Amino acid sequence: MTNLERFYRSVHGRDLQPWERQLAVRIAAALNTTTDDDFVVHLLLVYMSTNAITNMYNELVAARNGLAEHNRDLIRALTADLRRNRLITYVLLGAAALGVLVGAGILGTVLNLAQGSAASAARLAAALESCESRGPAGAQRGLGIGR
């Protein structure tokens, strides 16, 4: 068992995968040494760490880009909602103003009818009073109709 295999078993709890073994052989060949050399183990460890960091960085960039796109979509949707809500607000304010005007018209009509009714009641009372004053003092109203 080489140093590389011992390292992988102690650190990762597994044997070398075929592509990792092939990478170690290439590194050893480039350095003109064997895979048992500690320097090959260190270079492989540095490569694996750098590769993991690069993969994490790429995932972070993809997540950042996804968030930025979702934020742009959210801003577009919020802007559209605000425009729609502004229109609804203006419509509701117009409806409230129309309701106030209609209410004022109804109140004016009721007051006008009340004044007309009071005037009619005053005329009716005056007419009844004049009828009573013309009639005989002892006569009862309504009883002489059928006689």
N, C-alpha and C. Protein backbone atom coordinates (compact mmCIF):
# COMPACT_ATOMS: atom_id res chain seq x y z
N MET A 1 0.87 -1.17 0.00
CA MET A 1 0.00 0.00 0.00
C MET A 1 0.91 1.23 0.00
N THR A 2 0.63 2.17 -0.90
CA THR A 2 1.46 3.38 -1.03
C THR A 2 1.00 4.44 -0.04
N ASN A 3 1.80 5.49 0.06
CA ASN A 3 1.43 6.62 0.93
C ASN A 3 0.11 7.24 0.48
N LEU A 4 -0.08 7.30 -0.81
CA LEU A 4 -1.29 7.89 -1.36
C LEU A 4 -2.52 7.08 -0.95
N GLU A 5 -2.42 5.78 -1.05
CA GLU A 5 -3.55 4.92 -0.67
C GLU A 5 -3.83 5.02 0.83
N ARG A 6 -2.75 5.02 1.66
CA ARG A 6 -2.93 5.19 3.10
C ARG A 6 -3.59 6.52 3.43
N PHE A 7 -3.14 7.57 2.74
CA PHE A 7 -3.72 8.91 2.96
C PHE A 7 -5.21 8.92 2.64
N TYR A 8 -5.57 8.34 1.50
CA TYR A 8 -6.98 8.34 1.11
C TYR A 8 -7.83 7.52 2.07
N ARG A 9 -7.31 6.41 2.55
CA ARG A 9 -8.08 5.61 3.50
C ARG A 9 -8.23 6.33 4.83
N SER A 10 -7.19 7.01 5.28
CA SER A 10 -7.28 7.67 6.58
C SER A 10 -8.10 8.95 6.51
N VAL A 11 -7.99 9.70 5.42
CA VAL A 11 -8.69 10.98 5.32
C VAL A 11 -10.11 10.80 4.79
N HIS A 12 -10.26 10.08 3.71
CA HIS A 12 -11.57 9.96 3.04
C HIS A 12 -12.32 8.69 3.42
N GLY A 13 -11.64 7.73 4.02
CA GLY A 13 -12.30 6.50 4.42
C GLY A 13 -12.64 5.61 3.24
N ARG A 14 -11.91 5.75 2.15
CA ARG A 14 -12.18 4.94 0.96
C ARG A 14 -10.89 4.79 0.16
N ASP A 15 -10.96 3.91 -0.83
CA ASP A 15 -9.82 3.74 -1.74
C ASP A 15 -9.84 4.82 -2.81
N LEU A 16 -8.77 4.89 -3.52
CA LEU A 16 -8.69 5.84 -4.64
C LEU A 16 -9.67 5.45 -5.73
N GLN A 17 -10.32 6.43 -6.30
CA GLN A 17 -11.15 6.17 -7.48
C GLN A 17 -10.24 6.11 -8.69
N PRO A 18 -10.68 5.45 -9.77
CA PRO A 18 -9.79 5.27 -10.92
C PRO A 18 -9.26 6.59 -11.49
N TRP A 19 -10.10 7.60 -11.57
CA TRP A 19 -9.62 8.86 -12.15
C TRP A 19 -8.63 9.56 -11.21
N GLU A 20 -8.77 9.34 -9.89
CA GLU A 20 -7.81 9.91 -8.94
C GLU A 20 -6.46 9.20 -9.04
N ARG A 21 -6.50 7.88 -9.18
CA ARG A 21 -5.26 7.12 -9.35
C ARG A 21 -4.56 7.54 -10.64
N GLN A 22 -5.34 7.72 -11.72
CA GLN A 22 -4.75 8.12 -13.00
C GLN A 22 -4.13 9.52 -12.89
N LEU A 23 -4.78 10.41 -12.17
CA LEU A 23 -4.24 11.75 -11.97
C LEU A 23 -2.94 11.70 -11.17
N ALA A 24 -2.89 10.85 -10.14
CA ALA A 24 -1.66 10.70 -9.35
C ALA A 24 -0.52 10.16 -10.21
N VAL A 25 -0.82 9.21 -11.08
CA VAL A 25 0.20 8.64 -11.98
C VAL A 25 0.70 9.73 -12.93
N ARG A 26 -0.17 10.56 -13.45
CA ARG A 26 0.25 11.64 -14.35
C ARG A 26 1.13 12.66 -13.63
N ILE A 27 0.74 13.00 -12.38
CA ILE A 27 1.55 13.95 -11.61
C ILE A 27 2.93 13.36 -11.35
N ALA A 28 2.98 12.08 -10.97
CA ALA A 28 4.26 11.42 -10.70
C ALA A 28 5.11 11.35 -11.96
N ALA A 29 4.49 11.08 -13.10
CA ALA A 29 5.24 11.02 -14.36
C ALA A 29 5.78 12.39 -14.73
N ALA A 30 5.00 13.45 -14.48
CA ALA A 30 5.46 14.80 -14.79
C ALA A 30 6.63 15.20 -13.90
N LEU A 31 6.65 14.69 -12.67
CA LEU A 31 7.74 15.01 -11.74
C LEU A 31 8.88 13.99 -11.81
N ASN A 32 8.72 12.99 -12.64
CA ASN A 32 9.72 11.92 -12.81
C ASN A 32 10.00 11.22 -11.48
N THR A 33 8.91 10.83 -10.83
CA THR A 33 9.00 10.12 -9.55
C THR A 33 7.87 9.08 -9.50
N THR A 34 7.65 8.47 -8.35
CA THR A 34 6.59 7.46 -8.19
C THR A 34 5.42 8.06 -7.43
N THR A 35 4.30 7.33 -7.42
CA THR A 35 3.12 7.79 -6.71
C THR A 35 3.30 7.65 -5.20
N ASP A 36 4.38 7.01 -4.78
CA ASP A 36 4.64 6.85 -3.35
C ASP A 36 5.32 8.10 -2.76
N ASP A 37 5.72 9.01 -3.60
CA ASP A 37 6.39 10.23 -3.15
C ASP A 37 5.39 11.14 -2.43
N ASP A 38 5.81 11.71 -1.30
CA ASP A 38 4.93 12.59 -0.53
C ASP A 38 4.55 13.84 -1.32
N PHE A 39 5.44 14.31 -2.16
CA PHE A 39 5.16 15.51 -2.94
C PHE A 39 3.99 15.27 -3.90
N VAL A 40 3.87 14.08 -4.45
CA VAL A 40 2.75 13.73 -5.33
C VAL A 40 1.45 13.75 -4.53
N VAL A 41 1.49 13.23 -3.30
CA VAL A 41 0.30 13.23 -2.44
C VAL A 41 -0.12 14.68 -2.18
N HIS A 42 0.84 15.54 -1.86
CA HIS A 42 0.51 16.94 -1.58
C HIS A 42 -0.04 17.66 -2.81
N LEU A 43 0.57 17.42 -3.97
CA LEU A 43 0.06 18.05 -5.19
C LEU A 43 -1.34 17.56 -5.54
N LEU A 44 -1.58 16.28 -5.33
CA LEU A 44 -2.93 15.75 -5.59
C LEU A 44 -3.93 16.37 -4.62
N LEU A 45 -3.52 16.51 -3.37
CA LEU A 45 -4.39 17.14 -2.37
C LEU A 45 -4.68 18.59 -2.76
N VAL A 46 -3.68 19.31 -3.20
CA VAL A 46 -3.87 20.71 -3.63
C VAL A 46 -4.81 20.76 -4.83
N TYR A 47 -4.61 19.84 -5.78
CA TYR A 47 -5.49 19.81 -6.96
C TYR A 47 -6.94 19.55 -6.56
N MET A 48 -7.12 18.56 -5.68
CA MET A 48 -8.49 18.21 -5.27
C MET A 48 -9.14 19.38 -4.52
N SER A 49 -8.38 20.06 -3.67
CA SER A 49 -8.91 21.21 -2.94
C SER A 49 -9.27 22.34 -3.90
N THR A 50 -8.37 22.61 -4.82
CA THR A 50 -8.63 23.67 -5.80
C THR A 50 -9.84 23.33 -6.66
N ASN A 51 -9.96 22.09 -7.04
CA ASN A 51 -11.10 21.66 -7.84
C ASN A 51 -12.40 21.83 -7.04
N ALA A 52 -12.39 21.45 -5.76
CA ALA A 52 -13.58 21.59 -4.91
C ALA A 52 -13.93 23.07 -4.74
N ILE A 53 -12.93 23.91 -4.53
CA ILE A 53 -13.18 25.34 -4.38
C ILE A 53 -13.74 25.93 -5.66
N THR A 54 -13.21 25.51 -6.80
CA THR A 54 -13.72 26.00 -8.09
C THR A 54 -15.17 25.58 -8.31
N ASN A 55 -15.48 24.33 -7.95
CA ASN A 55 -16.87 23.87 -8.10
C ASN A 55 -17.81 24.65 -7.20
N MET A 56 -17.37 24.89 -5.95
CA MET A 56 -18.22 25.67 -5.04
C MET A 56 -18.39 27.10 -5.55
N TYR A 57 -17.32 27.68 -6.07
CA TYR A 57 -17.41 29.04 -6.62
C TYR A 57 -18.40 29.08 -7.78
N ASN A 58 -18.32 28.11 -8.67
CA ASN A 58 -19.24 28.07 -9.81
C ASN A 58 -20.69 27.93 -9.35
N GLU A 59 -20.90 27.12 -8.31
CA GLU A 59 -22.26 26.97 -7.77
C GLU A 59 -22.74 28.28 -7.14
N LEU A 60 -21.85 28.98 -6.44
CA LEU A 60 -22.22 30.27 -5.85
C LEU A 60 -22.56 31.31 -6.92
N VAL A 61 -21.77 31.33 -7.98
CA VAL A 61 -22.04 32.27 -9.08
C VAL A 61 -23.38 31.95 -9.72
N ALA A 62 -23.67 30.67 -9.92
CA ALA A 62 -24.96 30.29 -10.51
C ALA A 62 -26.11 30.67 -9.57
N ALA A 63 -25.92 30.47 -8.27
CA ALA A 63 -26.97 30.86 -7.31
C ALA A 63 -27.16 32.37 -7.30
N ARG A 64 -26.06 33.12 -7.33
CA ARG A 64 -26.15 34.58 -7.35
C ARG A 64 -26.88 35.06 -8.61
N ASN A 65 -26.55 34.49 -9.74
CA ASN A 65 -27.22 34.87 -10.98
C ASN A 65 -28.70 34.52 -10.95
N GLY A 66 -29.02 33.36 -10.38
CA GLY A 66 -30.43 32.98 -10.24
C GLY A 66 -31.19 33.94 -9.33
N LEU A 67 -30.56 34.32 -8.21
CA LEU A 67 -31.20 35.28 -7.30
C LEU A 67 -31.39 36.64 -7.97
N ALA A 68 -30.39 37.07 -8.72
CA ALA A 68 -30.51 38.36 -9.41
C ALA A 68 -31.65 38.33 -10.42
N GLU A 69 -31.80 37.22 -11.13
CA GLU A 69 -32.89 37.10 -12.10
C GLU A 69 -34.25 37.08 -11.40
N HIS A 70 -34.33 36.35 -10.29
CA HIS A 70 -35.58 36.30 -9.54
C HIS A 70 -35.91 37.68 -8.96
N ASN A 71 -34.89 38.41 -8.52
CA ASN A 71 -35.12 39.76 -8.00
C ASN A 71 -35.64 40.68 -9.10
N ARG A 72 -35.09 40.56 -10.30
CA ARG A 72 -35.58 41.39 -11.42
C ARG A 72 -37.04 41.05 -11.73
N ASP A 73 -37.37 39.75 -11.71
CA ASP A 73 -38.76 39.35 -11.94
C ASP A 73 -39.67 39.90 -10.85
N LEU A 74 -39.20 39.85 -9.61
CA LEU A 74 -40.00 40.36 -8.49
C LEU A 74 -40.21 41.86 -8.61
N ILE A 75 -39.18 42.59 -9.02
CA ILE A 75 -39.31 44.04 -9.20
C ILE A 75 -40.31 44.35 -10.31
N ARG A 76 -40.24 43.59 -11.41
CA ARG A 76 -41.21 43.80 -12.50
C ARG A 76 -42.63 43.54 -12.03
N ALA A 77 -42.83 42.47 -11.29
CA ALA A 77 -44.17 42.14 -10.80
C ALA A 77 -44.66 43.18 -9.80
N LEU A 78 -43.78 43.65 -8.93
CA LEU A 78 -44.15 44.66 -7.95
C LEU A 78 -44.51 45.98 -8.63
N THR A 79 -43.74 46.35 -9.65
CA THR A 79 -44.04 47.58 -10.39
C THR A 79 -45.40 47.48 -11.07
N ALA A 80 -45.68 46.34 -11.67
CA ALA A 80 -46.98 46.15 -12.32
C ALA A 80 -48.11 46.20 -11.30
N ASP A 81 -47.90 45.58 -10.13
CA ASP A 81 -48.92 45.63 -9.08
C ASP A 81 -49.15 47.04 -8.59
N LEU A 82 -48.07 47.80 -8.44
CA LEU A 82 -48.22 49.19 -7.99
C LEU A 82 -48.98 50.02 -9.02
N ARG A 83 -48.69 49.78 -10.29
CA ARG A 83 -49.44 50.51 -11.32
C ARG A 83 -50.92 50.15 -11.28
N ARG A 84 -51.19 48.86 -11.17
CA ARG A 84 -52.57 48.42 -11.12
C ARG A 84 -53.25 48.94 -9.86
N ASN A 85 -52.56 48.89 -8.74
CA ASN A 85 -53.14 49.38 -7.49
C ASN A 85 -53.35 50.89 -7.52
N ARG A 86 -52.48 51.62 -8.19
CA ARG A 86 -52.66 53.06 -8.32
C ARG A 86 -53.93 53.34 -9.12
N LEU A 87 -54.14 52.59 -10.19
CA LEU A 87 -55.36 52.75 -10.98
C LEU A 87 -56.59 52.42 -10.15
N ILE A 88 -56.52 51.34 -9.38
CA ILE A 88 -57.65 50.96 -8.53
C ILE A 88 -57.89 52.02 -7.47
N THR A 89 -56.83 52.61 -6.93
CA THR A 89 -56.98 53.67 -5.93
C THR A 89 -57.69 54.87 -6.52
N TYR A 90 -57.28 55.26 -7.72
CA TYR A 90 -57.94 56.40 -8.37
C TYR A 90 -59.41 56.09 -8.65
N VAL A 91 -59.71 54.89 -9.09
CA VAL A 91 -61.10 54.50 -9.36
C VAL A 91 -61.91 54.54 -8.07
N LEU A 92 -61.35 54.01 -6.98
CA LEU A 92 -62.07 54.01 -5.71
C LEU A 92 -62.27 55.43 -5.17
N LEU A 93 -61.27 56.30 -5.34
CA LEU A 93 -61.45 57.70 -4.92
C LEU A 93 -62.54 58.38 -5.74
N GLY A 94 -62.58 58.09 -7.06
CA GLY A 94 -63.64 58.64 -7.91
C GLY A 94 -65.00 58.13 -7.48
N ALA A 95 -65.08 56.84 -7.14
CA ALA A 95 -66.36 56.27 -6.70
C ALA A 95 -66.78 56.89 -5.37
N ALA A 96 -65.83 57.14 -4.47
CA ALA A 96 -66.16 57.78 -3.19
C ALA A 96 -66.65 59.21 -3.42
N ALA A 97 -65.98 59.95 -4.32
CA ALA A 97 -66.42 61.32 -4.61
C ALA A 97 -67.81 61.31 -5.23
N LEU A 98 -68.06 60.37 -6.13
CA LEU A 98 -69.39 60.25 -6.73
C LEU A 98 -70.43 59.91 -5.66
N GLY A 99 -70.07 59.04 -4.72
CA GLY A 99 -70.99 58.71 -3.63
C GLY A 99 -71.31 59.92 -2.78
N VAL A 100 -70.30 60.77 -2.50
CA VAL A 100 -70.55 61.99 -1.72
C VAL A 100 -71.49 62.91 -2.48
N LEU A 101 -71.26 63.06 -3.79
CA LEU A 101 -72.14 63.93 -4.60
C LEU A 101 -73.57 63.39 -4.64
N VAL A 102 -73.71 62.09 -4.81
CA VAL A 102 -75.06 61.49 -4.84
C VAL A 102 -75.73 61.66 -3.48
N GLY A 103 -74.97 61.45 -2.41
CA GLY A 103 -75.52 61.63 -1.06
C GLY A 103 -75.97 63.07 -0.83
N ALA A 104 -75.17 64.04 -1.31
CA ALA A 104 -75.56 65.44 -1.17
C ALA A 104 -76.83 65.73 -1.97
N GLY A 105 -76.94 65.15 -3.16
CA GLY A 105 -78.15 65.32 -3.97
C GLY A 105 -79.38 64.75 -3.28
N ILE A 106 -79.22 63.56 -2.70
CA ILE A 106 -80.34 62.93 -2.00
C ILE A 106 -80.73 63.77 -0.78
N LEU A 107 -79.75 64.26 -0.03
CA LEU A 107 -80.03 65.09 1.13
C LEU A 107 -80.74 66.38 0.72
N GLY A 108 -80.30 67.00 -0.38
CA GLY A 108 -80.98 68.20 -0.89
C GLY A 108 -82.42 67.92 -1.27
N THR A 109 -82.65 66.79 -1.92
CA THR A 109 -84.00 66.42 -2.32
C THR A 109 -84.88 66.18 -1.09
N VAL A 110 -84.36 65.49 -0.09
CA VAL A 110 -85.12 65.23 1.13
C VAL A 110 -85.45 66.53 1.84
N LEU A 111 -84.48 67.43 1.94
CA LEU A 111 -84.74 68.73 2.59
C LEU A 111 -85.77 69.53 1.80
N ASN A 112 -85.67 69.50 0.48
CA ASN A 112 -86.63 70.22 -0.36
C ASN A 112 -88.03 69.65 -0.18
N LEU A 113 -88.11 68.31 -0.14
CA LEU A 113 -89.42 67.69 0.07
C LEU A 113 -89.95 67.98 1.46
N ALA A 114 -89.08 68.04 2.44
CA ALA A 114 -89.51 68.34 3.80
C ALA A 114 -90.05 69.76 3.88
N GLN A 115 -89.36 70.71 3.22
CA GLN A 115 -89.86 72.09 3.22
C GLN A 115 -91.18 72.19 2.47
N GLY A 116 -91.29 71.48 1.36
CA GLY A 116 -92.54 71.47 0.59
C GLY A 116 -93.65 70.83 1.39
N SER A 117 -93.33 69.77 2.12
CA SER A 117 -94.32 69.10 2.95
C SER A 117 -94.77 70.01 4.10
N ALA A 118 -93.83 70.73 4.69
CA ALA A 118 -94.19 71.66 5.77
C ALA A 118 -95.07 72.79 5.23
N ALA A 119 -94.74 73.26 4.04
CA ALA A 119 -95.57 74.32 3.43
C ALA A 119 -96.96 73.77 3.11
N SER A 120 -97.01 72.55 2.60
CA SER A 120 -98.31 71.94 2.30
C SER A 120 -99.11 71.72 3.57
N ALA A 121 -98.42 71.30 4.63
CA ALA A 121 -99.12 71.08 5.90
C ALA A 121 -99.64 72.40 6.45
N ALA A 122 -98.87 73.47 6.29
CA ALA A 122 -99.31 74.78 6.77
C ALA A 122 -100.52 75.25 5.96
N ARG A 123 -100.52 75.05 4.65
CA ARG A 123 -101.65 75.44 3.80
C ARG A 123 -102.88 74.61 4.14
N LEU A 124 -102.67 73.31 4.38
CA LEU A 124 -103.78 72.44 4.73
C LEU A 124 -104.38 72.86 6.08
N ALA A 125 -103.52 73.17 7.03
CA ALA A 125 -104.01 73.61 8.35
C ALA A 125 -104.77 74.93 8.22
N ALA A 126 -104.27 75.83 7.37
CA ALA A 126 -104.96 77.11 7.16
C ALA A 126 -106.31 76.88 6.49
N ALA A 127 -106.35 75.95 5.53
CA ALA A 127 -107.59 75.65 4.84
C ALA A 127 -108.60 75.03 5.79
N LEU A 128 -108.17 74.13 6.65
CA LEU A 128 -109.07 73.52 7.62
C LEU A 128 -109.59 74.56 8.61
N GLU A 129 -108.72 75.45 9.00
CA GLU A 129 -109.13 76.49 9.94
C GLU A 129 -110.16 77.42 9.31
N SER A 130 -109.94 77.73 8.06
CA SER A 130 -110.90 78.62 7.40
C SER A 130 -112.23 77.91 7.19
N CYS A 131 -112.17 76.58 6.95
CA CYS A 131 -113.42 75.83 6.80
C CYS A 131 -114.18 75.78 8.13
N GLU A 132 -113.48 75.63 9.19
CA GLU A 132 -114.12 75.56 10.51
C GLU A 132 -114.72 76.91 10.89
N SER A 133 -114.03 77.95 10.51
CA SER A 133 -114.56 79.27 10.88
C SER A 133 -115.78 79.62 10.04
N ARG A 134 -115.98 79.09 8.87
CA ARG A 134 -117.13 79.38 8.03
C ARG A 134 -118.36 78.57 8.44
N GLY A 135 -118.15 77.43 8.91
CA GLY A 135 -119.27 76.57 9.23
C GLY A 135 -120.01 77.05 10.48
N PRO A 136 -121.29 76.51 10.76
CA PRO A 136 -122.06 76.88 11.94
C PRO A 136 -121.35 76.42 13.19
N ALA A 137 -121.54 77.17 14.24
CA ALA A 137 -120.82 76.92 15.48
C ALA A 137 -121.27 75.64 16.14
N GLY A 138 -122.52 75.29 16.08
CA GLY A 138 -123.04 74.11 16.77
C GLY A 138 -123.06 72.88 15.90
N ALA A 139 -122.80 72.99 14.62
CA ALA A 139 -122.91 71.84 13.72
C ALA A 139 -121.72 70.90 13.90
N GLN A 140 -122.05 69.67 13.78
CA GLN A 140 -120.99 68.67 13.85
C GLN A 140 -120.58 68.30 12.44
N ARG A 141 -119.34 68.23 12.26
CA ARG A 141 -118.87 67.91 10.91
C ARG A 141 -119.00 66.43 10.64
N GLY A 142 -119.40 66.14 9.44
CA GLY A 142 -119.45 64.78 9.01
C GLY A 142 -120.73 64.05 9.37
N LEU A 143 -121.55 64.55 10.28
CA LEU A 143 -122.74 63.83 10.66
C LEU A 143 -123.92 64.21 9.78
N GLY A 144 -123.88 65.33 9.13
CA GLY A 144 -125.02 65.76 8.32
C GLY A 144 -124.98 65.27 6.90
N ILE A 145 -124.08 64.42 6.57
CA ILE A 145 -123.91 63.98 5.19
C ILE A 145 -125.06 63.07 4.79
N GLY A 146 -125.41 62.18 5.57
CA GLY A 146 -126.39 61.18 5.21
C GLY A 146 -127.82 61.64 5.46
N ARG A 147 -128.14 62.80 6.00
CA ARG A 147 -129.50 63.19 6.38
C ARG A 147 -130.25 63.82 5.29
